[in-house]
C-alpha atoms as a PDB file:
ATOM      1  CA  UNK A   1       0.000   0.000   0.000  1.00  0.00           C
ATOM      2  CA  UNK A   2       1.169   3.523  -0.723  1.00  0.00           C
ATOM      3  CA  UNK A   3      -0.131   6.991   0.105  1.00  0.00           C
ATOM      4  CA  UNK A   4       0.134   9.349  -2.843  1.00  0.00           C
ATOM      5  CA  UNK A   5      -1.125  12.806  -3.824  1.00  0.00           C
ATOM      6  CA  UNK A   6      -4.554  12.721  -5.429  1.00  0.00           C
ATOM      7  CA  UNK A   7      -4.724  12.993  -9.205  1.00  0.00           C
ATOM      8  CA  UNK A   8      -7.690  12.682 -11.525  1.00  0.00           C
ATOM      9  CA  UNK A   9      -6.333   9.495 -13.139  1.00  0.00           C
ATOM     10  CA  UNK A  10      -7.030   7.609  -9.897  1.00  0.00           C
ATOM     11  CA  UNK A  11     -10.123   5.406 -10.151  1.00  0.00           C
ATOM     12  CA  UNK A  12     -12.259   6.294  -7.166  1.00  0.00           C
ATOM     13  CA  UNK A  13     -15.879   5.579  -8.143  1.00  0.00           C
ATOM     14  CA  UNK A  14     -16.024   2.370  -6.071  1.00  0.00           C
ATOM     15  CA  UNK A  15     -14.827   4.074  -2.864  1.00  0.00           C
ATOM     16  CA  UNK A  16     -17.414   3.807  -0.083  1.00  0.00           C
ATOM     17  CA  UNK A  17     -16.610   4.722   3.503  1.00  0.00           C
ATOM     18  CA  UNK A  18     -20.236   4.685   4.620  1.00  0.00           C
ATOM     19  CA  UNK A  19     -20.453   8.506   4.793  1.00  0.00           C
ATOM     20  CA  UNK A  20     -22.077   9.859   1.594  1.00  0.00           C
ATOM     21  CA  UNK A  21     -20.558  13.336   2.020  1.00  0.00           C
ATOM     22  CA  UNK A  22     -17.026  11.921   2.219  1.00  0.00           C
ATOM     23  CA  UNK A  23     -17.619   9.603  -0.746  1.00  0.00           C
ATOM     24  CA  UNK A  24     -18.914  12.563  -2.770  1.00  0.00           C
ATOM     25  CA  UNK A  25     -15.917  14.662  -1.822  1.00  0.00           C
ATOM     26  CA  UNK A  26     -13.407  12.098  -3.069  1.00  0.00           C
ATOM     27  CA  UNK A  27     -15.387  11.212  -6.186  1.00  0.00           C
ATOM     28  CA  UNK A  28     -16.456  14.725  -7.243  1.00  0.00           C
ATOM     29  CA  UNK A  29     -14.677  17.541  -5.400  1.00  0.00           C
ATOM     30  CA  UNK A  30     -11.108  16.555  -4.500  1.00  0.00           C
ATOM     31  CA  UNK A  31      -9.821  17.319  -7.989  1.00  0.00           C
ATOM     32  CA  UNK A  32     -11.587  20.692  -8.141  1.00  0.00           C
ATOM     33  CA  UNK A  33     -10.281  21.690  -4.727  1.00  0.00           C
ATOM     34  CA  UNK A  34      -6.766  20.707  -5.723  1.00  0.00           C
ATOM     35  CA  UNK A  35      -6.899  22.716  -8.980  1.00  0.00           C
ATOM     36  CA  UNK A  36      -8.231  25.757  -7.085  1.00  0.00           C
ATOM     37  CA  UNK A  37      -5.633  25.390  -4.285  1.00  0.00           C
ATOM     38  CA  UNK A  38      -8.370  24.995  -1.671  1.00  0.00           C
ATOM     39  CA  UNK A  39      -6.922  21.776  -0.271  1.00  0.00           C
ATOM     40  CA  UNK A  40      -4.696  18.840  -1.090  1.00  0.00           C
ATOM     41  CA  UNK A  41      -5.928  15.266  -0.923  1.00  0.00           C
ATOM     42  CA  UNK A  42      -3.773  12.188  -0.406  1.00  0.00           C
ATOM     43  CA  UNK A  43      -5.030   8.692  -1.148  1.00  0.00           C
ATOM     44  CA  UNK A  44      -4.075   5.258   0.117  1.00  0.00           C
ATOM     45  CA  UNK A  45      -3.817   2.892  -2.844  1.00  0.00           C
ATOM     46  CA  UNK A  46      -3.547  -0.878  -2.763  1.00  0.00           C
ATOM     47  CA  UNK A  47      -3.776  -2.988  -5.927  1.00  0.00           C
ATOM     48  CA  UNK A  48      -4.980   0.074  -7.887  1.00  0.00           C
ATOM     49  CA  UNK A  49      -7.855   0.531  -5.425  1.00  0.00           C
ATOM     50  CA  UNK A  50      -8.413   3.576  -3.204  1.00  0.00           C
ATOM     51  CA  UNK A  51      -8.640   2.275   0.356  1.00  0.00           C
ATOM     52  CA  UNK A  52      -8.672   5.637   2.146  1.00  0.00           C
ATOM     53  CA  UNK A  53      -7.876   9.313   1.872  1.00  0.00           C
ATOM     54  CA  UNK A  54      -7.355  12.540   3.755  1.00  0.00           C
ATOM     55  CA  UNK A  55      -7.379  16.227   2.817  1.00  0.00           C
ATOM     56  CA  UNK A  56      -5.330  19.091   4.229  1.00  0.00           C
ATOM     57  CA  UNK A  57      -5.654  22.856   4.014  1.00  0.00           C
ATOM     58  CA  UNK A  58      -4.510  25.902   5.931  1.00  0.00           C
ATOM     59  CA  UNK A  59      -6.889  27.775   8.216  1.00  0.00           C
ATOM     60  CA  UNK A  60      -7.045  30.168  11.114  1.00  0.00           C
ATOM     61  CA  UNK A  61      -8.669  29.809  14.486  1.00  0.00           C
ATOM     62  CA  UNK A  62      -9.924  32.301  17.001  1.00  0.00           C
ATOM     63  CA  UNK A  63      -7.861  32.341  20.162  1.00  0.00           C
ATOM     64  CA  UNK A  64     -10.940  32.158  22.404  1.00  0.00           C
ATOM     65  CA  UNK A  65     -11.937  28.799  20.893  1.00  0.00           C
ATOM     66  CA  UNK A  66      -8.680  27.052  21.772  1.00  0.00           C
ATOM     67  CA  UNK A  67      -8.149  24.940  24.896  1.00  0.00           C
ATOM     68  CA  UNK A  68      -6.651  27.010  27.737  1.00  0.00           C
ATOM     69  CA  UNK A  69      -3.338  25.108  27.706  1.00  0.00           C
ATOM     70  CA  UNK A  70      -2.719  26.200  24.109  1.00  0.00           C
ATOM     71  CA  UNK A  71      -4.326  29.640  24.359  1.00  0.00           C
ATOM     72  CA  UNK A  72      -2.176  30.862  27.254  1.00  0.00           C
ATOM     73  CA  UNK A  73       1.044  30.589  25.219  1.00  0.00           C
ATOM     74  CA  UNK A  74      -0.122  32.751  22.304  1.00  0.00           C
ATOM     75  CA  UNK A  75      -0.331  36.500  21.617  1.00  0.00           C
ATOM     76  CA  UNK A  76      -3.910  37.596  22.342  1.00  0.00           C
ATOM     77  CA  UNK A  77      -4.460  40.046  19.502  1.00  0.00           C
ATOM     78  CA  UNK A  78      -4.218  37.808  16.419  1.00  0.00           C
ATOM     79  CA  UNK A  79      -6.085  34.884  14.882  1.00  0.00           C
ATOM     80  CA  UNK A  80      -4.077  31.684  15.206  1.00  0.00           C
ATOM     81  CA  UNK A  81      -2.648  29.950  12.092  1.00  0.00           C
ATOM     82  CA  UNK A  82      -3.435  26.234  11.939  1.00  0.00           C
ATOM     83  CA  UNK A  83      -3.390  23.367   9.479  1.00  0.00           C
ATOM     84  CA  UNK A  84      -6.777  21.723   8.945  1.00  0.00           C
ATOM     85  CA  UNK A  85      -7.273  18.012   8.474  1.00  0.00           C
ATOM     86  CA  UNK A  86     -10.510  18.602   6.627  1.00  0.00           C
ATOM     87  CA  UNK A  87     -11.368  15.005   5.757  1.00  0.00           C
ATOM     88  CA  UNK A  88     -10.195  11.493   6.610  1.00  0.00           C
ATOM     89  CA  UNK A  89     -12.011   8.372   5.449  1.00  0.00           C
ATOM     90  CA  UNK A  90     -11.392   4.642   5.060  1.00  0.00           C
ATOM     91  CA  UNK A  91     -13.254   2.375   2.641  1.00  0.00           C
ATOM     92  CA  UNK A  92     -15.676   0.019   4.401  1.00  0.00           C
ATOM     93  CA  UNK A  93     -13.681  -2.988   3.187  1.00  0.00           C
ATOM     94  CA  UNK A  94     -10.632  -1.750   5.137  1.00  0.00           C
ATOM     95  CA  UNK A  95     -12.226  -0.375   8.290  1.00  0.00           C
ATOM     96  CA  UNK A  96     -10.991  -1.900  11.536  1.00  0.00           C
ATOM     97  CA  UNK A  97      -7.537  -2.596  10.073  1.00  0.00           C
ATOM     98  CA  UNK A  98      -5.816   0.549  11.454  1.00  0.00           C
ATOM     99  CA  UNK A  99      -5.701   2.261   8.064  1.00  0.00           C
ATOM    100  CA  UNK A 100      -7.297   5.343   9.649  1.00  0.00           C
ATOM    101  CA  UNK A 101      -4.398   5.481  12.095  1.00  0.00           C
ATOM    102  CA  UNK A 102      -1.882   5.118   9.258  1.00  0.00           C
ATOM    103  CA  UNK A 103      -3.547   7.923   7.286  1.00  0.00           C
ATOM    104  CA  UNK A 104      -3.629  10.153  10.362  1.00  0.00           C
ATOM    105  CA  UNK A 105       0.071   9.555  11.085  1.00  0.00           C
ATOM    106  CA  UNK A 106       0.898  10.332   7.451  1.00  0.00           C
ATOM    107  CA  UNK A 107      -1.101  13.568   7.669  1.00  0.00           C
ATOM    108  CA  UNK A 108       0.591  14.592  10.934  1.00  0.00           C
ATOM    109  CA  UNK A 109       4.053  13.909   9.493  1.00  0.00           C
ATOM    110  CA  UNK A 110       3.183  15.932   6.384  1.00  0.00           C
ATOM    111  CA  UNK A 111       1.986  18.831   8.556  1.00  0.00           C
ATOM    112  CA  UNK A 112       5.217  18.690  10.589  1.00  0.00           C
ATOM    113  CA  UNK A 113       7.185  19.166   7.371  1.00  0.00           C
ATOM    114  CA  UNK A 114       4.971  22.109   6.414  1.00  0.00           C
ATOM    115  CA  UNK A 115       5.379  23.663   9.867  1.00  0.00           C
ATOM    116  CA  UNK A 116       9.127  23.608   9.390  1.00  0.00           C
ATOM    117  CA  UNK A 117       8.584  26.152   6.580  1.00  0.00           C
ATOM    118  CA  UNK A 118       5.614  28.258   7.754  1.00  0.00           C
ATOM    119  CA  UNK A 119       4.110  29.220  11.091  1.00  0.00           C
ATOM    120  CA  UNK A 120       1.303  27.040  12.356  1.00  0.00           C
ATOM    121  CA  UNK A 121       0.246  26.516  15.952  1.00  0.00           C
ATOM    122  CA  UNK A 122      -1.444  23.163  15.515  1.00  0.00           C
ATOM    123  CA  UNK A 123      -3.618  20.888  13.436  1.00  0.00           C
ATOM    124  CA  UNK A 124      -7.381  21.086  13.753  1.00  0.00           C
ATOM    125  CA  UNK A 125     -10.044  18.628  12.699  1.00  0.00           C
ATOM    126  CA  UNK A 126     -13.844  18.787  12.703  1.00  0.00           C
ATOM    127  CA  UNK A 127     -15.035  15.365  13.833  1.00  0.00           C
ATOM    128  CA  UNK A 128     -18.282  14.295  12.153  1.00  0.00           C
ATOM    129  CA  UNK A 129     -19.607  12.609  15.300  1.00  0.00           C
ATOM    130  CA  UNK A 130     -18.586  11.396  18.765  1.00  0.00           C
ATOM    131  CA  UNK A 131     -16.934   8.138  17.598  1.00  0.00           C
ATOM    132  CA  UNK A 132     -14.689  10.219  15.308  1.00  0.00           C
ATOM    133  CA  UNK A 133     -14.030  12.616  18.191  1.00  0.00           C
ATOM    134  CA  UNK A 134     -12.889   9.702  20.366  1.00  0.00           C
ATOM    135  CA  UNK A 135     -10.622   8.469  17.536  1.00  0.00           C
ATOM    136  CA  UNK A 136      -8.801  11.813  17.375  1.00  0.00           C
ATOM    137  CA  UNK A 137      -8.598  12.164  21.165  1.00  0.00           C
ATOM    138  CA  UNK A 138      -6.852   8.780  21.304  1.00  0.00           C
ATOM    139  CA  UNK A 139      -4.012  10.397  19.322  1.00  0.00           C
ATOM    140  CA  UNK A 140      -3.649  13.540  21.425  1.00  0.00           C
ATOM    141  CA  UNK A 141      -6.211  15.916  19.935  1.00  0.00           C
ATOM    142  CA  UNK A 142      -8.041  18.120  22.462  1.00  0.00           C
ATOM    143  CA  UNK A 143     -11.559  19.543  21.945  1.00  0.00           C
ATOM    144  CA  UNK A 144     -12.025  23.266  21.421  1.00  0.00           C
ATOM    145  CA  UNK A 145     -13.476  25.126  24.373  1.00  0.00           C
ATOM    146  CA  UNK A 146     -16.486  26.309  22.369  1.00  0.00           C
ATOM    147  CA  UNK A 147     -16.967  23.442  19.877  1.00  0.00           C
ATOM    148  CA  UNK A 148     -16.376  19.944  21.284  1.00  0.00           C
ATOM    149  CA  UNK A 149     -16.365  18.257  17.847  1.00  0.00           C
ATOM    150  CA  UNK A 150     -13.565  20.561  16.686  1.00  0.00           C
ATOM    151  CA  UNK A 151     -10.247  19.330  18.040  1.00  0.00           C
ATOM    152  CA  UNK A 152      -6.642  20.493  17.930  1.00  0.00           C
ATOM    153  CA  UNK A 153      -3.241  18.948  18.479  1.00  0.00           C
ATOM    154  CA  UNK A 154      -0.370  21.389  19.137  1.00  0.00           C
ATOM    155  CA  UNK A 155       2.229  21.511  16.382  1.00  0.00           C
ATOM    156  CA  UNK A 156       4.937  21.272  19.033  1.00  0.00           C
ATOM    157  CA  UNK A 157       3.561  17.848  20.004  1.00  0.00           C
ATOM    158  CA  UNK A 158       3.406  16.752  16.366  1.00  0.00           C
ATOM    159  CA  UNK A 159       6.956  17.909  15.665  1.00  0.00           C
ATOM    160  CA  UNK A 160       8.245  15.967  18.676  1.00  0.00           C
ATOM    161  CA  UNK A 161       6.704  12.820  17.219  1.00  0.00           C
ATOM    162  CA  UNK A 162       7.759  13.583  13.644  1.00  0.00           C
ATOM    163  CA  UNK A 163      11.034  15.537  13.754  1.00  0.00           C
ATOM    164  CA  UNK A 164      11.942  17.213  10.498  1.00  0.00           C
END
């Protein structure tokens, strides 16, 4: 299995993670978002089949939303630069095989490399539901103060795990 940047030559029509919005994104929008520089999508491929994917983009966060432990270390007058893990999905045929963990680790390592070049305080993710929230918390993400399904992991933590 390999994780590669999305390109439109990748056959993705059969991908089904069980979440119609995520299926639609991979099948219809990932290419458009890439061409328009909205986000970048990376796909896990095995035997010419897409088994999972994730998308990354840059974003900003309001300081007041962040957990207190992160907020107290930052200048109060500016929005906070963050990387956004906007989507992560695993095909139903591969769920329960730790592919989600592998995709997440690949995304975190990629963000660590980006953070070596530009300023970013952390990586945020909007969990679709509580099971997804628990998945991210297992890997060190902390819920926002104001939005419990939005979580963040400090870039300092990520860079300790994935030194550049």
